[in-house]
Amino acid sequence: MVNVEHIGIAVKNFGEANALYFKLLGVEPYKTEFVESEAVNTSFFKVGGTKIELLEGTTPDSAISKFIEKRGEGIHHIAFEVEDILAEMERLRGEGFMLLNESPKKGADNKLVCFVHPKSANGVLIELTQEIR
């Protein structure tokens, strides 16, 4: 793994959360995007080398909406950038990690993504990301 790519935060109200993080960080989001496959609105803030992704579910059955219903707003996942997502998925499977995806899928911010199940990562949802080339 190369580095922490971003920290994902689940929010109930996208507009209010974006305004709050603008006040907190002093910068506007550099990107907002709707990810249809996940039924989620996303926005990305960058401060120094750190990126924060805000996620709002757009349907009651989206993973983010279900997460908020169960746990409330807060940190949803930590994403790690990888050079070769397929090789990293194979390596992690070999190490006994449970992956939530059989193959990478297109995510936000021009990335291929795959998730590691929290049950195999001490309760933390891990996202692997690779820039789409």
Protein backbone atom coordinates (compact mmCIF):
# COMPACT_ATOMS: atom_id res chain seq x y z
CA MET A 1 0.00 0.00 0.00
CA VAL A 2 1.28 3.41 -0.94
CA ASN A 3 -0.43 5.82 1.48
CA VAL A 4 -3.71 6.84 3.08
CA GLU A 5 -5.70 8.11 0.09
CA HIS A 6 -8.61 9.55 2.07
CA ILE A 7 -10.85 9.20 5.10
CA GLY A 8 -14.55 8.71 4.33
CA ILE A 9 -17.17 10.28 6.60
CA ALA A 10 -20.86 9.35 6.41
CA VAL A 11 -23.21 12.35 6.73
CA LYS A 12 -26.98 12.76 6.84
CA ASN A 13 -27.23 16.16 5.16
CA PHE A 14 -24.78 16.86 2.34
CA GLY A 15 -25.33 20.63 2.23
CA GLU A 16 -24.96 21.10 5.98
CA ALA A 17 -21.92 18.81 6.16
CA ASN A 18 -20.16 20.60 3.29
CA ALA A 19 -20.78 23.95 4.99
CA LEU A 20 -19.50 22.59 8.31
CA TYR A 21 -16.30 21.17 6.78
CA PHE A 22 -15.75 24.42 4.83
CA LYS A 23 -15.85 26.29 8.16
CA LEU A 24 -13.69 23.66 9.86
CA LEU A 25 -11.02 23.32 7.15
CA GLY A 26 -11.20 26.75 5.54
CA VAL A 27 -11.40 25.34 2.01
CA GLU A 28 -14.20 24.48 -0.39
CA PRO A 29 -14.52 20.90 -1.63
CA TYR A 30 -12.39 20.49 -4.74
CA LYS A 31 -14.83 18.00 -6.20
CA THR A 32 -18.40 16.81 -5.75
CA GLU A 33 -19.75 13.75 -7.51
CA PHE A 34 -22.76 11.42 -7.58
CA VAL A 35 -21.73 7.75 -7.68
CA GLU A 36 -24.75 5.98 -9.14
CA SER A 37 -23.55 2.43 -8.43
CA GLU A 38 -23.39 3.23 -4.69
CA ALA A 39 -26.35 5.66 -4.59
CA VAL A 40 -24.16 8.25 -2.88
CA ASN A 41 -23.25 11.91 -3.18
CA THR A 42 -19.60 12.59 -2.44
CA SER A 43 -17.46 15.65 -1.90
CA PHE A 44 -13.72 15.82 -1.42
CA PHE A 45 -11.78 18.32 0.66
CA LYS A 46 -7.98 18.51 0.60
CA VAL A 47 -5.87 19.96 3.37
CA GLY A 48 -2.13 19.49 2.92
CA GLY A 49 -1.66 15.89 1.81
CA THR A 50 -4.89 14.71 3.45
CA LYS A 51 -8.20 14.18 1.68
CA ILE A 52 -11.57 13.94 3.43
CA GLU A 53 -14.53 12.43 1.56
CA LEU A 54 -18.05 13.24 2.74
CA LEU A 55 -20.65 10.62 1.75
CA GLU A 56 -24.43 11.04 1.75
CA GLY A 57 -26.70 8.17 0.78
CA THR A 58 -29.30 9.12 -1.81
CA THR A 59 -31.63 6.16 -1.23
CA PRO A 60 -32.74 4.49 2.02
CA ASP A 61 -31.14 1.21 0.95
CA SER A 62 -27.70 2.62 0.04
CA ALA A 63 -24.77 1.37 2.13
CA ILE A 64 -24.23 4.87 3.55
CA SER A 65 -27.89 5.30 4.55
CA LYS A 66 -27.84 1.89 6.25
CA PHE A 67 -24.56 2.73 8.00
CA ILE A 68 -25.99 5.99 9.39
CA GLU A 69 -29.20 4.24 10.48
CA LYS A 70 -27.17 1.64 12.39
CA ARG A 71 -24.23 3.70 13.71
CA GLY A 72 -25.00 7.37 13.09
CA GLU A 73 -22.84 9.87 11.28
CA GLY A 74 -19.08 9.53 11.48
CA ILE A 75 -16.02 7.86 10.05
CA HIS A 76 -17.14 5.26 7.55
CA HIS A 77 -13.86 4.02 6.04
CA ILE A 78 -10.16 4.60 5.52
CA ALA A 79 -8.92 4.36 1.95
CA PHE A 80 -5.44 3.27 0.96
CA GLU A 81 -3.94 3.99 -2.44
CA VAL A 82 -2.36 0.97 -4.14
CA GLU A 83 -0.26 0.63 -7.28
CA ASP A 84 -1.97 -2.54 -8.55
CA ILE A 85 -5.41 -3.17 -7.07
CA LEU A 86 -5.74 -6.67 -8.56
CA ALA A 87 -2.41 -7.79 -7.10
CA GLU A 88 -3.27 -6.23 -3.72
CA MET A 89 -6.67 -7.95 -3.67
CA GLU A 90 -4.97 -11.29 -4.40
CA ARG A 91 -2.37 -10.65 -1.68
CA LEU A 92 -4.99 -9.77 0.91
CA ARG A 93 -7.13 -12.81 0.06
CA GLY A 94 -4.00 -14.92 0.52
CA GLU A 95 -3.47 -13.32 3.93
CA GLY A 96 -7.01 -14.34 4.94
CA PHE A 97 -8.83 -11.02 4.56
CA MET A 98 -12.46 -11.08 3.48
CA LEU A 99 -13.08 -8.77 0.50
CA LEU A 100 -16.50 -7.31 -0.21
CA ASN A 101 -15.84 -7.20 -3.97
CA GLU A 102 -14.83 -10.04 -6.29
CA SER A 103 -13.31 -7.51 -8.67
CA PRO A 104 -12.60 -3.76 -8.51
CA LYS A 105 -15.38 -1.37 -9.44
CA LYS A 106 -15.45 2.27 -10.49
CA GLY A 107 -15.66 4.59 -7.51
CA ALA A 108 -15.55 8.34 -7.00
CA ASP A 109 -12.63 10.61 -7.92
CA ASN A 110 -11.53 8.54 -10.96
CA LYS A 111 -10.62 5.47 -8.90
CA LEU A 112 -11.01 1.73 -9.08
CA VAL A 113 -12.05 0.53 -5.63
CA CYS A 114 -12.43 -2.60 -3.54
CA PHE A 115 -13.45 -2.92 0.11
CA VAL A 116 -12.07 -5.14 2.85
CA HIS A 117 -14.78 -6.38 5.24
CA PRO A 118 -14.59 -4.76 8.70
CA LYS A 119 -14.89 -8.19 10.34
CA SER A 120 -11.43 -9.05 9.02
CA ALA A 121 -9.87 -5.63 9.83
CA ASN A 122 -10.63 -5.01 13.52
CA GLY A 123 -14.01 -3.40 12.78
CA VAL A 124 -12.69 -0.87 10.25
CA LEU A 125 -13.96 -0.79 6.66
CA ILE A 126 -10.87 -0.50 4.45
CA GLU A 127 -11.06 0.75 0.88
CA LEU A 128 -8.34 0.01 -1.66
CA THR A 129 -8.07 2.61 -4.42
CA GLN A 130 -6.15 2.79 -7.66
CA GLU A 131 -6.18 5.72 -10.07
CA ILE A 132 -7.94 4.80 -13.34
CA ARG A 133 -5.25 5.14 -15.98
